[in-house]
Amino acid sequence: MRHTKIAVAAVAALAALTLAACGSSTETASSPTPAASSPSSPAASSPAASGTIVDVAAANPDFTTLVAAVKAAGLVETLSGPGPFTVFAPTNEAFAALPPGLLDKLLLPENKDVLTKILTYHVLASKVMAADVADGKVATVQGGTITLDTMNGVKVDDAKVITADVAASNGVIHVIDKVLVPADVDVSKL
């Protein structure tokens, strides 16, 4: 319960910081280029789903690993909250591409804090649709920043958005092809 209250407080604080940063930005942004959804992309073949980000992810077979990780980190309640959130959601294939054994280690109770840092690094405390994405750094719920790049499709750090704008009642999901790890997390020590 204490961890959930801290996570909710962090989301609220980051939402305020994100909104303040959006209003005072002096960076020049290029025209956003939405990521294209293709029929073979995860979530592209289903109609707009209803429910929270967790509900939408749980209903999609491409996110079983992500949903298991969210449960292991104790983030279900937070990501089912009012939001709004933007989640850059790695597919099962993205998790499978992690070094052998790493996912199993991350899902262990003793590594819950590390898993939480990694998962919240994929979350923004605001709703950002693909058409609104602009190049630059953006604060994550984890506290670090990710870099968005709209050249040749949308990239988040070095992950590619393969499906954009998957609607949820409390935000939006953009499907990515890689698990992002914040710079302050050393997974080799797990």
N, C-alpha and C. Protein backbone atom coordinates (compact mmCIF):
# COMPACT_ATOMS: atom_id res chain seq x y z
N MET A 1 0.83 -1.18 0.00
CA MET A 1 0.00 0.00 0.00
C MET A 1 0.88 1.25 0.00
N ARG A 2 1.92 1.25 0.83
CA ARG A 2 2.81 2.41 0.92
C ARG A 2 3.45 2.68 -0.44
N HIS A 3 3.88 1.60 -1.13
CA HIS A 3 4.52 1.75 -2.44
C HIS A 3 3.56 2.37 -3.46
N THR A 4 2.28 1.97 -3.38
CA THR A 4 1.28 2.51 -4.30
C THR A 4 1.07 3.99 -4.05
N LYS A 5 1.02 4.39 -2.78
CA LYS A 5 0.84 5.82 -2.45
C LYS A 5 2.02 6.64 -2.96
N ILE A 6 3.21 6.10 -2.82
CA ILE A 6 4.41 6.79 -3.32
C ILE A 6 4.35 6.90 -4.83
N ALA A 7 3.96 5.83 -5.51
CA ALA A 7 3.87 5.85 -6.97
C ALA A 7 2.84 6.86 -7.44
N VAL A 8 1.68 6.91 -6.76
CA VAL A 8 0.64 7.88 -7.13
C VAL A 8 1.14 9.30 -6.90
N ALA A 9 1.82 9.53 -5.79
CA ALA A 9 2.37 10.86 -5.52
C ALA A 9 3.41 11.25 -6.57
N ALA A 10 4.23 10.29 -6.97
CA ALA A 10 5.24 10.55 -8.00
C ALA A 10 4.58 10.89 -9.33
N VAL A 11 3.52 10.16 -9.66
CA VAL A 11 2.80 10.45 -10.92
C VAL A 11 2.23 11.85 -10.89
N ALA A 12 1.60 12.22 -9.77
CA ALA A 12 1.01 13.56 -9.66
C ALA A 12 2.07 14.65 -9.76
N ALA A 13 3.19 14.46 -9.07
CA ALA A 13 4.26 15.45 -9.12
C ALA A 13 4.84 15.58 -10.51
N LEU A 14 5.06 14.45 -11.17
CA LEU A 14 5.61 14.50 -12.52
C LEU A 14 4.62 15.08 -13.52
N ALA A 15 3.34 14.86 -13.30
CA ALA A 15 2.33 15.45 -14.18
C ALA A 15 2.42 16.97 -14.10
N ALA A 16 2.55 17.49 -12.87
CA ALA A 16 2.66 18.94 -12.70
C ALA A 16 3.94 19.46 -13.36
N LEU A 17 5.05 18.74 -13.17
CA LEU A 17 6.31 19.16 -13.79
C LEU A 17 6.24 19.10 -15.31
N THR A 18 5.62 18.04 -15.83
CA THR A 18 5.49 17.88 -17.28
C THR A 18 4.67 19.01 -17.86
N LEU A 19 3.55 19.33 -17.21
CA LEU A 19 2.70 20.42 -17.70
C LEU A 19 3.43 21.76 -17.63
N ALA A 20 4.17 21.98 -16.55
CA ALA A 20 4.93 23.22 -16.43
C ALA A 20 6.01 23.29 -17.50
N ALA A 21 6.67 22.18 -17.76
CA ALA A 21 7.73 22.15 -18.78
C ALA A 21 7.15 22.38 -20.16
N CYS A 22 5.95 21.85 -20.42
CA CYS A 22 5.33 22.03 -21.73
C CYS A 22 5.03 23.50 -21.98
N GLY A 23 4.67 24.22 -20.95
CA GLY A 23 4.31 25.62 -21.12
C GLY A 23 5.50 26.53 -21.27
N SER A 24 6.71 26.09 -20.88
CA SER A 24 7.84 26.99 -20.90
C SER A 24 8.96 26.53 -21.83
N SER A 25 8.68 25.61 -22.69
CA SER A 25 9.71 25.09 -23.57
C SER A 25 10.16 26.12 -24.59
N THR A 26 11.47 26.18 -24.77
CA THR A 26 12.02 27.09 -25.77
C THR A 26 12.61 26.33 -26.94
N GLU A 27 12.49 25.00 -26.90
CA GLU A 27 13.03 24.20 -27.99
C GLU A 27 12.14 24.34 -29.22
N THR A 28 12.76 24.27 -30.37
CA THR A 28 12.02 24.29 -31.61
C THR A 28 11.72 22.85 -31.99
N ALA A 29 10.45 22.55 -32.17
CA ALA A 29 10.07 21.18 -32.52
C ALA A 29 9.73 21.11 -33.99
N SER A 30 10.16 20.03 -34.60
CA SER A 30 9.80 19.82 -35.99
C SER A 30 8.39 19.25 -36.04
N SER A 31 7.82 19.21 -37.21
CA SER A 31 6.48 18.66 -37.36
C SER A 31 6.49 17.21 -36.96
N PRO A 32 5.54 16.81 -36.11
CA PRO A 32 5.52 15.41 -35.69
C PRO A 32 5.12 14.50 -36.84
N THR A 33 5.68 13.31 -36.80
CA THR A 33 5.35 12.30 -37.78
C THR A 33 4.76 11.12 -37.04
N PRO A 34 3.46 10.90 -37.16
CA PRO A 34 2.87 9.79 -36.43
C PRO A 34 3.43 8.46 -36.90
N ALA A 35 3.49 7.51 -35.98
CA ALA A 35 3.91 6.16 -36.35
C ALA A 35 2.75 5.49 -37.07
N ALA A 36 3.07 4.76 -38.06
CA ALA A 36 2.03 4.10 -38.83
C ALA A 36 1.64 2.79 -38.18
N SER A 37 0.37 2.51 -38.20
CA SER A 37 -0.12 1.21 -37.76
C SER A 37 -0.28 0.35 -38.99
N SER A 38 0.25 -0.85 -38.92
CA SER A 38 0.08 -1.76 -40.03
C SER A 38 -0.77 -2.92 -39.56
N PRO A 39 -1.43 -3.61 -40.46
CA PRO A 39 -2.27 -4.72 -40.06
C PRO A 39 -1.54 -5.79 -39.27
N SER A 40 -0.23 -5.92 -39.46
CA SER A 40 0.51 -6.94 -38.74
C SER A 40 1.03 -6.46 -37.39
N SER A 41 0.81 -5.19 -37.08
CA SER A 41 1.30 -4.63 -35.83
C SER A 41 0.43 -5.08 -34.66
N PRO A 42 1.03 -5.24 -33.47
CA PRO A 42 0.23 -5.57 -32.30
C PRO A 42 -0.82 -4.48 -32.08
N ALA A 43 -2.00 -4.85 -31.71
CA ALA A 43 -3.11 -3.95 -31.39
C ALA A 43 -3.75 -3.31 -32.62
N ALA A 44 -3.14 -3.40 -33.78
CA ALA A 44 -3.68 -2.74 -34.96
C ALA A 44 -4.91 -3.45 -35.50
N SER A 45 -5.01 -4.73 -35.30
CA SER A 45 -6.11 -5.48 -35.88
C SER A 45 -7.37 -5.43 -35.04
N SER A 46 -7.28 -4.93 -33.81
CA SER A 46 -8.46 -4.86 -32.97
C SER A 46 -9.02 -3.44 -32.97
N PRO A 47 -10.34 -3.30 -32.81
CA PRO A 47 -10.91 -1.97 -32.74
C PRO A 47 -10.47 -1.29 -31.46
N ALA A 48 -10.71 0.00 -31.38
CA ALA A 48 -10.32 0.76 -30.20
C ALA A 48 -10.93 0.10 -28.97
N ALA A 49 -10.09 -0.28 -28.04
CA ALA A 49 -10.54 -0.97 -26.84
C ALA A 49 -10.97 0.03 -25.79
N SER A 50 -11.84 -0.42 -24.90
CA SER A 50 -12.23 0.44 -23.80
C SER A 50 -11.61 -0.13 -22.53
N GLY A 51 -11.54 0.70 -21.51
CA GLY A 51 -10.95 0.29 -20.25
C GLY A 51 -9.65 1.04 -20.03
N THR A 52 -9.08 0.81 -18.86
CA THR A 52 -7.84 1.48 -18.51
C THR A 52 -6.67 0.92 -19.31
N ILE A 53 -5.54 1.54 -19.15
CA ILE A 53 -4.33 1.05 -19.81
C ILE A 53 -4.07 -0.41 -19.44
N VAL A 54 -4.26 -0.75 -18.18
CA VAL A 54 -4.04 -2.13 -17.75
C VAL A 54 -5.07 -3.05 -18.40
N ASP A 55 -6.34 -2.63 -18.47
CA ASP A 55 -7.38 -3.45 -19.09
C ASP A 55 -7.07 -3.70 -20.57
N VAL A 56 -6.68 -2.65 -21.28
CA VAL A 56 -6.38 -2.76 -22.71
C VAL A 56 -5.18 -3.69 -22.93
N ALA A 57 -4.14 -3.51 -22.11
CA ALA A 57 -2.96 -4.36 -22.24
C ALA A 57 -3.29 -5.82 -21.92
N ALA A 58 -4.09 -6.02 -20.87
CA ALA A 58 -4.44 -7.39 -20.46
C ALA A 58 -5.28 -8.10 -21.52
N ALA A 59 -6.02 -7.34 -22.32
CA ALA A 59 -6.86 -7.93 -23.36
C ALA A 59 -6.09 -8.25 -24.64
N ASN A 60 -4.82 -7.84 -24.70
CA ASN A 60 -4.03 -8.04 -25.91
C ASN A 60 -2.98 -9.13 -25.67
N PRO A 61 -2.98 -10.20 -26.46
CA PRO A 61 -2.02 -11.29 -26.24
C PRO A 61 -0.56 -10.89 -26.48
N ASP A 62 -0.30 -9.76 -27.11
CA ASP A 62 1.07 -9.30 -27.33
C ASP A 62 1.68 -8.66 -26.09
N PHE A 63 0.88 -8.48 -25.02
CA PHE A 63 1.36 -7.80 -23.82
C PHE A 63 1.31 -8.67 -22.57
N THR A 64 1.29 -9.99 -22.70
CA THR A 64 1.20 -10.84 -21.52
C THR A 64 2.41 -10.66 -20.60
N THR A 65 3.58 -10.50 -21.17
CA THR A 65 4.78 -10.31 -20.35
C THR A 65 4.74 -8.96 -19.65
N LEU A 66 4.33 -7.92 -20.37
CA LEU A 66 4.22 -6.58 -19.77
C LEU A 66 3.22 -6.61 -18.62
N VAL A 67 2.08 -7.22 -18.82
CA VAL A 67 1.06 -7.28 -17.77
C VAL A 67 1.60 -8.05 -16.55
N ALA A 68 2.31 -9.14 -16.78
CA ALA A 68 2.91 -9.90 -15.67
C ALA A 68 3.92 -9.02 -14.92
N ALA A 69 4.69 -8.24 -15.65
CA ALA A 69 5.68 -7.35 -15.01
C ALA A 69 4.99 -6.25 -14.22
N VAL A 70 3.93 -5.67 -14.77
CA VAL A 70 3.18 -4.62 -14.07
C VAL A 70 2.61 -5.18 -12.77
N LYS A 71 2.09 -6.41 -12.81
CA LYS A 71 1.58 -7.05 -11.60
C LYS A 71 2.70 -7.30 -10.60
N ALA A 72 3.83 -7.81 -11.06
CA ALA A 72 4.97 -8.10 -10.17
C ALA A 72 5.50 -6.83 -9.51
N ALA A 73 5.42 -5.71 -10.21
CA ALA A 73 5.91 -4.44 -9.68
C ALA A 73 4.87 -3.75 -8.80
N GLY A 74 3.66 -4.27 -8.76
CA GLY A 74 2.61 -3.65 -7.95
C GLY A 74 2.08 -2.36 -8.55
N LEU A 75 2.10 -2.25 -9.88
CA LEU A 75 1.68 -1.01 -10.55
C LEU A 75 0.28 -1.07 -11.16
N VAL A 76 -0.44 -2.17 -10.96
CA VAL A 76 -1.77 -2.31 -11.57
C VAL A 76 -2.69 -1.18 -11.11
N GLU A 77 -2.75 -0.95 -9.81
CA GLU A 77 -3.64 0.09 -9.27
C GLU A 77 -3.26 1.47 -9.80
N THR A 78 -1.99 1.76 -9.84
CA THR A 78 -1.53 3.06 -10.33
C THR A 78 -1.90 3.27 -11.79
N LEU A 79 -1.60 2.29 -12.64
CA LEU A 79 -1.87 2.43 -14.07
C LEU A 79 -3.35 2.24 -14.41
N SER A 80 -4.15 1.86 -13.42
CA SER A 80 -5.59 1.80 -13.60
C SER A 80 -6.25 3.07 -13.06
N GLY A 81 -5.44 3.96 -12.50
CA GLY A 81 -5.94 5.22 -11.95
C GLY A 81 -6.38 6.18 -13.04
N PRO A 82 -6.79 7.38 -12.63
CA PRO A 82 -7.36 8.33 -13.58
C PRO A 82 -6.40 8.86 -14.64
N GLY A 83 -5.11 8.85 -14.36
CA GLY A 83 -4.16 9.35 -15.35
C GLY A 83 -4.32 10.83 -15.56
N PRO A 84 -4.09 11.31 -16.76
CA PRO A 84 -3.82 10.55 -17.97
C PRO A 84 -2.37 10.09 -18.05
N PHE A 85 -2.17 8.98 -18.74
CA PHE A 85 -0.85 8.41 -18.94
C PHE A 85 -0.59 8.17 -20.42
N THR A 86 0.68 8.18 -20.77
CA THR A 86 1.13 7.65 -22.05
C THR A 86 2.08 6.52 -21.70
N VAL A 87 1.81 5.34 -22.23
CA VAL A 87 2.66 4.19 -21.95
C VAL A 87 3.29 3.73 -23.25
N PHE A 88 4.61 3.67 -23.26
CA PHE A 88 5.36 3.08 -24.36
C PHE A 88 5.51 1.61 -23.99
N ALA A 89 4.68 0.76 -24.58
CA ALA A 89 4.52 -0.62 -24.15
C ALA A 89 5.33 -1.60 -24.98
N PRO A 90 6.34 -2.23 -24.36
CA PRO A 90 7.11 -3.26 -25.07
C PRO A 90 6.27 -4.52 -25.27
N THR A 91 6.41 -5.13 -26.41
CA THR A 91 5.70 -6.38 -26.72
C THR A 91 6.39 -7.55 -26.04
N ASN A 92 5.73 -8.70 -26.11
CA ASN A 92 6.34 -9.93 -25.60
C ASN A 92 7.68 -10.18 -26.29
N GLU A 93 7.75 -9.92 -27.61
CA GLU A 93 9.00 -10.10 -28.36
C GLU A 93 10.10 -9.19 -27.83
N ALA A 94 9.73 -7.96 -27.45
CA ALA A 94 10.72 -7.03 -26.90
C ALA A 94 11.29 -7.56 -25.59
N PHE A 95 10.43 -8.09 -24.73
CA PHE A 95 10.91 -8.68 -23.48
C PHE A 95 11.75 -9.92 -23.75
N ALA A 96 11.38 -10.71 -24.75
CA ALA A 96 12.12 -11.92 -25.09
C ALA A 96 13.52 -11.61 -25.59
N ALA A 97 13.72 -10.39 -26.10
CA ALA A 97 15.02 -10.00 -26.63
C ALA A 97 15.99 -9.56 -25.52
N LEU A 98 15.52 -9.47 -24.29
CA LEU A 98 16.43 -9.13 -23.18
C LEU A 98 17.45 -10.26 -23.02
N PRO A 99 18.59 -9.96 -22.42
CA PRO A 99 19.59 -11.03 -22.20
C PRO A 99 18.96 -12.22 -21.48
N PRO A 100 19.40 -13.43 -21.81
CA PRO A 100 18.84 -14.64 -21.20
C PRO A 100 18.83 -14.57 -19.67
N GLY A 101 17.69 -14.90 -19.09
CA GLY A 101 17.56 -14.93 -17.64
C GLY A 101 17.22 -13.61 -16.99
N LEU A 102 17.38 -12.49 -17.70
CA LEU A 102 17.16 -11.18 -17.08
C LEU A 102 15.70 -10.98 -16.69
N LEU A 103 14.78 -11.32 -17.55
CA LEU A 103 13.37 -11.14 -17.22
C LEU A 103 12.99 -11.94 -15.98
N ASP A 104 13.43 -13.18 -15.89
CA ASP A 104 13.14 -14.00 -14.71
C ASP A 104 13.67 -13.33 -13.44
N LYS A 105 14.86 -12.76 -13.52
CA LYS A 105 15.44 -12.07 -12.36
C LYS A 105 14.63 -10.83 -12.02
N LEU A 106 14.21 -10.06 -13.03
CA LEU A 106 13.43 -8.85 -12.78
C LEU A 106 12.10 -9.15 -12.10
N LEU A 107 11.52 -10.31 -12.39
CA LEU A 107 10.22 -10.66 -11.84
C LEU A 107 10.29 -11.20 -10.41
N LEU A 108 11.50 -11.39 -9.88
CA LEU A 108 11.65 -11.86 -8.51
C LEU A 108 11.28 -10.75 -7.53
N PRO A 109 10.64 -11.10 -6.41
CA PRO A 109 10.23 -10.09 -5.42
C PRO A 109 11.38 -9.20 -4.94
N GLU A 110 12.57 -9.75 -4.81
CA GLU A 110 13.69 -8.95 -4.33
C GLU A 110 14.16 -7.89 -5.34
N ASN A 111 13.70 -7.98 -6.58
CA ASN A 111 14.08 -7.00 -7.61
C ASN A 111 12.91 -6.09 -8.00
N LYS A 112 11.89 -6.04 -7.14
CA LYS A 112 10.69 -5.25 -7.42
C LYS A 112 11.02 -3.77 -7.66
N ASP A 113 11.93 -3.21 -6.88
CA ASP A 113 12.29 -1.79 -7.05
C ASP A 113 12.92 -1.53 -8.42
N VAL A 114 13.80 -2.42 -8.86
CA VAL A 114 14.44 -2.27 -10.17
C VAL A 114 13.39 -2.40 -11.28
N LEU A 115 12.52 -3.40 -11.15
CA LEU A 115 11.45 -3.60 -12.14
C LEU A 115 10.55 -2.37 -12.20
N THR A 116 10.22 -1.81 -11.06
CA THR A 116 9.38 -0.62 -11.01
C THR A 116 10.05 0.55 -11.72
N LYS A 117 11.35 0.73 -11.50
CA LYS A 117 12.08 1.80 -12.19
C LYS A 117 12.03 1.62 -13.71
N ILE A 118 12.24 0.39 -14.15
CA ILE A 118 12.23 0.12 -15.59
C ILE A 118 10.84 0.37 -16.17
N LEU A 119 9.80 -0.14 -15.52
CA LEU A 119 8.45 0.03 -16.05
C LEU A 119 7.99 1.49 -16.04
N THR A 120 8.26 2.21 -14.96
CA THR A 120 7.82 3.61 -14.90
C THR A 120 8.64 4.51 -15.84
N TYR A 121 9.77 4.01 -16.31
CA TYR A 121 10.56 4.72 -17.32
C TYR A 121 9.84 4.70 -18.67
N HIS A 122 8.88 3.82 -18.83
CA HIS A 122 8.07 3.71 -20.06
C HIS A 122 6.80 4.54 -20.00
N VAL A 123 6.60 5.31 -18.92
CA VAL A 123 5.33 6.00 -18.69
C VAL A 123 5.53 7.51 -18.58
N LEU A 124 4.65 8.26 -19.27
CA LEU A 124 4.59 9.71 -19.14
C LEU A 124 3.34 10.05 -18.35
N ALA A 125 3.40 11.11 -17.56
CA ALA A 125 2.27 11.52 -16.74
C ALA A 125 1.37 12.50 -17.49
N SER A 126 1.12 12.20 -18.75
CA SER A 126 0.22 12.99 -19.59
C SER A 126 -0.13 12.14 -20.80
N LYS A 127 -1.17 12.55 -21.51
CA LYS A 127 -1.58 11.80 -22.70
C LYS A 127 -0.99 12.49 -23.92
N VAL A 128 -0.16 11.76 -24.65
CA VAL A 128 0.50 12.30 -25.84
C VAL A 128 0.15 11.40 -27.02
N MET A 129 -0.65 11.93 -27.93
CA MET A 129 -1.01 11.19 -29.13
C MET A 129 0.13 11.30 -30.14
N ALA A 130 0.19 10.38 -31.07
CA ALA A 130 1.28 10.36 -32.05
C ALA A 130 1.38 11.67 -32.82
N ALA A 131 0.25 12.27 -33.15
CA ALA A 131 0.27 13.53 -33.91
C ALA A 131 0.87 14.68 -33.11
N ASP A 132 0.94 14.53 -31.79
CA ASP A 132 1.47 15.58 -30.92
C ASP A 132 2.93 15.36 -30.52
N VAL A 133 3.52 14.27 -30.95
CA VAL A 133 4.91 13.97 -30.58
C VAL A 133 5.84 14.92 -31.32
N ALA A 134 6.76 15.49 -30.57
CA ALA A 134 7.78 16.36 -31.14
C ALA A 134 9.14 15.89 -30.65
N ASP A 135 10.16 16.16 -31.44
CA ASP A 135 11.52 15.77 -31.06
C ASP A 135 11.92 16.44 -29.75
N GLY A 136 12.64 15.70 -28.93
CA GLY A 136 13.17 16.27 -27.69
C GLY A 136 13.11 15.30 -26.53
N LYS A 137 13.53 15.79 -25.38
CA LYS A 137 13.53 15.00 -24.16
C LYS A 137 12.23 15.23 -23.40
N VAL A 138 11.74 14.14 -22.78
CA VAL A 138 10.49 14.20 -22.03
C VAL A 138 10.70 13.47 -20.71
N ALA A 139 10.18 14.05 -19.62
CA ALA A 139 10.29 13.43 -18.31
C ALA A 139 9.37 12.23 -18.20
N THR A 140 9.87 11.16 -17.59
CA THR A 140 9.07 9.96 -17.35
C THR A 140 8.62 9.92 -15.90
N VAL A 141 7.68 9.05 -15.60
CA VAL A 141 7.22 8.87 -14.23
C VAL A 141 8.36 8.37 -13.35
N GLN A 142 9.30 7.64 -13.90
CA GLN A 142 10.45 7.12 -13.17
C GLN A 142 11.35 8.24 -12.67
N GLY A 143 11.32 9.38 -13.34
CA GLY A 143 12.16 10.51 -12.95
C GLY A 143 13.24 10.83 -13.95
N GLY A 144 13.53 9.90 -14.83
CA GLY A 144 14.51 10.15 -15.88
C GLY A 144 13.85 10.78 -17.10
N THR A 145 14.62 10.93 -18.15
CA THR A 145 14.07 11.48 -19.39
C THR A 145 14.30 10.49 -20.52
N ILE A 146 13.34 10.46 -21.44
CA ILE A 146 13.49 9.70 -22.66
C ILE A 146 13.60 10.69 -23.81
N THR A 147 14.21 10.25 -24.89
CA THR A 147 14.36 11.11 -26.06
C THR A 147 13.40 10.63 -27.15
N LEU A 148 12.58 11.55 -27.62
CA LEU A 148 11.66 11.26 -28.71
C LEU A 148 12.25 11.79 -30.01
N ASP A 149 12.16 10.99 -31.05
CA ASP A 149 12.71 11.35 -32.35
C ASP A 149 11.67 10.98 -33.41
N THR A 150 11.28 11.97 -34.23
CA THR A 150 10.24 11.73 -35.24
C THR A 150 10.80 11.54 -36.64
N MET A 151 12.11 11.46 -36.76
CA MET A 151 12.71 11.24 -38.07
C MET A 151 12.48 9.79 -38.49
N ASN A 152 11.86 9.54 -39.63
CA ASN A 152 11.59 8.18 -40.12
C ASN A 152 10.74 7.37 -39.15
N GLY A 153 9.63 7.92 -38.72
CA GLY A 153 8.77 7.27 -37.75
C GLY A 153 9.15 7.75 -36.36
N VAL A 154 8.42 7.30 -35.36
CA VAL A 154 8.68 7.75 -34.00
C VAL A 154 9.59 6.75 -33.29
N LYS A 155 10.64 7.27 -32.67
CA LYS A 155 11.53 6.46 -31.84
C LYS A 155 11.51 7.02 -30.43
N VAL A 156 11.62 6.12 -29.46
CA VAL A 156 11.71 6.47 -28.05
C VAL A 156 13.03 5.91 -27.58
N ASP A 157 13.98 6.79 -27.28
CA ASP A 157 15.36 6.37 -27.09
C ASP A 157 15.74 5.54 -28.31
N ASP A 158 16.08 4.26 -28.16
CA ASP A 158 16.43 3.48 -29.35
C ASP A 158 15.37 2.44 -29.70
N ALA A 159 14.17 2.62 -29.18
CA ALA A 159 13.05 1.74 -29.51
C ALA A 159 12.16 2.41 -30.55
N LYS A 160 11.63 1.61 -31.45
CA LYS A 160 10.75 2.13 -32.50
C LYS A 160 9.30 1.92 -32.11
N VAL A 161 8.47 2.95 -32.32
CA VAL A 161 7.03 2.81 -32.11
C VAL A 161 6.48 2.04 -33.31
N ILE A 162 5.92 0.86 -33.04
CA ILE A 162 5.42 0.02 -34.14
C ILE A 162 3.90 0.13 -34.30
N THR A 163 3.21 0.57 -33.26
CA THR A 163 1.79 0.87 -33.33
C THR A 163 1.53 2.05 -32.40
N ALA A 164 0.85 3.05 -32.91
CA ALA A 164 0.59 4.26 -32.12
C ALA A 164 -0.89 4.39 -31.78
N ASP A 165 -1.14 5.19 -30.76
CA ASP A 165 -2.49 5.64 -30.42
C ASP A 165 -3.48 4.52 -30.10
N VAL A 166 -3.07 3.56 -29.28
CA VAL A 166 -4.00 2.55 -28.80
C VAL A 166 -4.73 3.19 -27.62
N ALA A 167 -6.02 3.44 -27.81
CA ALA A 167 -6.80 4.21 -26.84
C ALA A 167 -7.09 3.43 -25.57
N ALA A 168 -7.10 4.16 -24.46
CA ALA A 168 -7.53 3.64 -23.17
C ALA A 168 -8.28 4.76 -22.47
N SER A 169 -9.09 4.42 -21.49
CA SER A 169 -9.91 5.43 -20.82
C SER A 169 -9.06 6.41 -20.01
N ASN A 170 -7.87 6.01 -19.62
CA ASN A 170 -7.02 6.88 -18.82
C ASN A 170 -5.71 7.25 -19.52
N GLY A 171 -5.72 7.19 -20.85
CA GLY A 171 -4.52 7.58 -21.58
C GLY A 171 -4.40 6.88 -22.91
N VAL A 172 -3.14 6.67 -23.30
CA VAL A 172 -2.87 6.08 -24.61
C VAL A 172 -1.65 5.17 -24.51
N ILE A 173 -1.65 4.14 -25.34
CA ILE A 173 -0.52 3.21 -25.42
C ILE A 173 0.11 3.35 -26.80
N HIS A 174 1.43 3.43 -26.82
CA HIS A 174 2.19 3.34 -28.07
C HIS A 174 3.05 2.09 -27.93
N VAL A 175 2.92 1.17 -28.85
CA VAL A 175 3.62 -0.12 -28.79
C VAL A 175 5.04 0.07 -29.31
N ILE A 176 6.03 -0.42 -28.54
CA ILE A 176 7.43 -0.30 -28.95
C ILE A 176 8.07 -1.68 -29.06
N ASP A 177 9.19 -1.71 -29.80
CA ASP A 177 9.84 -2.98 -30.11
C ASP A 177 11.03 -3.32 -29.22
N LYS A 178 11.20 -2.57 -28.13
CA LYS A 178 12.35 -2.81 -27.25
C LYS A 178 12.00 -2.38 -25.83
N VAL A 179 12.58 -3.05 -24.85
CA VAL A 179 12.43 -2.65 -23.46
C VAL A 179 13.45 -1.55 -23.17
N LEU A 180 12.97 -0.44 -22.63
CA LEU A 180 13.85 0.68 -22.29
C LEU A 180 14.38 0.50 -20.87
N VAL A 181 15.64 0.80 -20.66
CA VAL A 181 16.24 0.70 -19.34
C VAL A 181 16.85 2.07 -19.00
N PRO A 182 16.44 2.68 -17.88
CA PRO A 182 16.99 3.97 -17.51
C PRO A 182 18.49 3.89 -17.25
N ALA A 183 19.18 5.00 -17.48
CA ALA A 183 20.63 5.05 -17.33
C ALA A 183 21.10 4.71 -15.91
N ASP A 184 20.26 4.98 -14.91
CA ASP A 184 20.68 4.74 -13.53
C ASP A 184 20.38 3.31 -13.05
N VAL A 185 19.96 2.43 -13.95
CA VAL A 185 19.70 1.04 -13.60
C VAL A 185 20.74 0.15 -14.26
N ASP A 186 21.47 -0.61 -13.43
CA ASP A 186 22.48 -1.54 -13.93
C ASP A 186 21.94 -2.96 -13.80
N VAL A 187 21.36 -3.46 -14.88
CA VAL A 187 20.76 -4.80 -14.84
C VAL A 187 21.79 -5.91 -14.73
N SER A 188 23.06 -5.60 -14.99
CA SER A 188 24.09 -6.64 -14.90
C SER A 188 24.35 -7.05 -13.44
N LYS A 189 23.87 -6.25 -12.49
CA LYS A 189 24.07 -6.55 -11.07
C LYS A 189 22.95 -7.40 -10.48
N LEU A 190 21.99 -7.78 -11.30
CA LEU A 190 20.88 -8.61 -10.79
C LEU A 190 21.29 -10.06 -10.70
